[in-house]
Structures are given as C-alpha cells and as structure tokens.
C-alpha cells in the first residue's frame, strides 16, 4: 500500500479531486494506493512522516524539509489528458522508485 498525501488551500475541493483521480488512475495501473486530502495549513512534520508521497496542487513552502518525494498534481485538475497524463506518469515512476 502506497500512502499519498494530497493537499490544497481549503482541503475540500481540489485535494479531493486529486485524491479520487490518483486512486482511480494508479489503481487502473495496478498499484494499491491510499490517498488522503488535507488543508495545507494543517500539515506538519509528524503528519507527513506517515506518507510515502506528497501530492500538492502547487509548490508549497511548509516551513520544514519534506523528506518524501513530491509530485505536483495541480495539472490533474484541468481534466485534460495532455496535461494530466504526464503527472500520472511521474506519480507511477515515483511509486516504482519507492521499491514497495
């Protein structure tokens, strides 16, 4: 099981769209993923340490070093395959690099 943390400003809409899209697409590609959606302001070092991949909608300075891979998932929100597919491919490569 790969644990992914999706985050956006409010933790309500965009991060939940990313969560659903990643779980569906990575599942279609044969990966078992669990994605949680949260508000950026609620993320702390302890929280992020329980995840394998961080999937924000944009580059975000959390005020501390993030020691897990980061995949910018904002383009998924456009729902245009030409923009989303590279993100899904990057996510898949990141999952593969974890060796889980």
Protein backbone atom coordinates (compact mmCIF):
# COMPACT_ATOMS: atom_id res chain seq x y z
CA UNK A 1 0.00 0.00 0.00
CA UNK A 2 1.37 3.37 -1.07
CA UNK A 3 0.16 6.27 1.06
CA UNK A 4 -0.20 9.62 -0.70
CA UNK A 5 -0.98 12.96 0.93
CA UNK A 6 -2.88 15.40 -1.33
CA UNK A 7 -3.14 18.99 -0.18
CA UNK A 8 -4.79 22.23 -1.25
CA UNK A 9 -5.69 25.53 0.36
CA UNK A 10 -9.04 24.50 1.81
CA UNK A 11 -8.64 20.71 1.84
CA UNK A 12 -12.13 20.39 0.42
CA UNK A 13 -12.34 20.52 -3.35
CA UNK A 14 -9.05 20.36 -5.27
CA UNK A 15 -7.30 17.92 -2.97
CA UNK A 16 -10.32 15.61 -3.03
CA UNK A 17 -10.38 15.72 -6.85
CA UNK A 18 -6.68 14.82 -6.87
CA UNK A 19 -7.30 12.06 -4.31
CA UNK A 20 -10.04 10.48 -6.42
CA UNK A 21 -8.10 10.82 -9.66
CA UNK A 22 -4.90 9.32 -8.22
CA UNK A 23 -6.66 6.40 -6.55
CA UNK A 24 -8.52 5.60 -9.76
CA UNK A 25 -5.65 6.04 -12.23
CA UNK A 26 -2.99 4.35 -10.10
CA UNK A 27 -5.47 1.53 -9.38
CA UNK A 28 -6.01 1.14 -13.14
CA UNK A 29 -2.25 0.85 -13.50
CA UNK A 30 -2.12 -1.92 -10.91
CA UNK A 31 -0.97 -0.03 -7.82
CA UNK A 32 -2.62 -0.15 -4.43
CA UNK A 33 -2.73 3.42 -3.20
CA UNK A 34 -4.50 5.25 -0.42
CA UNK A 35 -4.69 9.00 -0.76
CA UNK A 36 -5.75 11.41 1.98
CA UNK A 37 -6.81 15.01 1.30
CA UNK A 38 -5.97 17.80 3.73
CA UNK A 39 -5.56 21.55 4.09
CA UNK A 40 -2.01 22.76 3.51
CA UNK A 41 -2.05 24.71 6.77
CA UNK A 42 -2.72 21.51 8.75
CA UNK A 43 0.39 19.67 7.52
CA UNK A 44 3.23 19.25 9.99
CA UNK A 45 6.36 17.13 10.05
CA UNK A 46 4.73 14.36 12.07
CA UNK A 47 1.75 14.10 9.72
CA UNK A 48 3.81 13.98 6.54
CA UNK A 49 6.14 11.35 8.00
CA UNK A 50 3.28 8.82 7.74
CA UNK A 51 3.10 9.11 3.94
CA UNK A 52 5.17 7.87 1.01
CA UNK A 53 4.43 10.69 -1.45
CA UNK A 54 3.30 14.31 -1.13
CA UNK A 55 0.87 15.47 -3.87
CA UNK A 56 0.16 19.21 -3.53
CA UNK A 57 -1.70 21.24 -6.16
CA UNK A 58 1.29 23.60 -6.39
CA UNK A 59 4.77 24.11 -4.94
CA UNK A 60 4.25 24.83 -1.28
CA UNK A 61 6.65 26.03 1.40
CA UNK A 62 5.58 24.29 4.59
CA UNK A 63 8.37 25.81 6.66
CA UNK A 64 10.23 22.50 7.08
CA UNK A 65 12.06 20.00 4.87
CA UNK A 66 9.88 17.39 3.20
CA UNK A 67 11.71 14.08 3.23
CA UNK A 68 9.39 12.19 0.87
CA UNK A 69 9.00 12.54 -2.90
CA UNK A 70 6.82 15.42 -4.08
CA UNK A 71 4.69 15.24 -7.23
CA UNK A 72 2.94 18.48 -8.22
CA UNK A 73 -0.57 17.28 -9.09
CA UNK A 74 -2.20 20.59 -9.99
CA UNK A 75 -2.49 19.76 -13.74
CA UNK A 76 -4.81 16.85 -12.91
CA UNK A 77 -7.47 19.45 -12.05
CA UNK A 78 -7.68 20.64 -15.66
CA UNK A 79 -9.00 17.19 -16.69
CA UNK A 80 -7.14 17.47 -19.97
CA UNK A 81 -5.32 14.20 -20.70
CA UNK A 82 -2.42 16.02 -22.35
CA UNK A 83 -1.79 17.79 -19.03
CA UNK A 84 -2.78 15.05 -16.59
CA UNK A 85 -1.03 12.08 -18.21
CA UNK A 86 2.49 13.40 -17.53
CA UNK A 87 1.54 13.82 -13.86
CA UNK A 88 0.18 10.26 -13.68
CA UNK A 89 3.36 9.00 -15.35
CA UNK A 90 5.51 10.92 -12.87
CA UNK A 91 3.45 9.50 -10.00
CA UNK A 92 3.90 5.98 -11.37
CA UNK A 93 7.66 6.47 -11.69
CA UNK A 94 7.76 7.83 -8.14
CA UNK A 95 5.82 4.80 -6.86
CA UNK A 96 8.23 2.48 -8.67
CA UNK A 97 11.22 4.29 -7.15
CA UNK A 98 9.92 3.56 -3.63
CA UNK A 99 10.53 -0.15 -4.16
CA UNK A 100 7.42 -1.19 -2.24
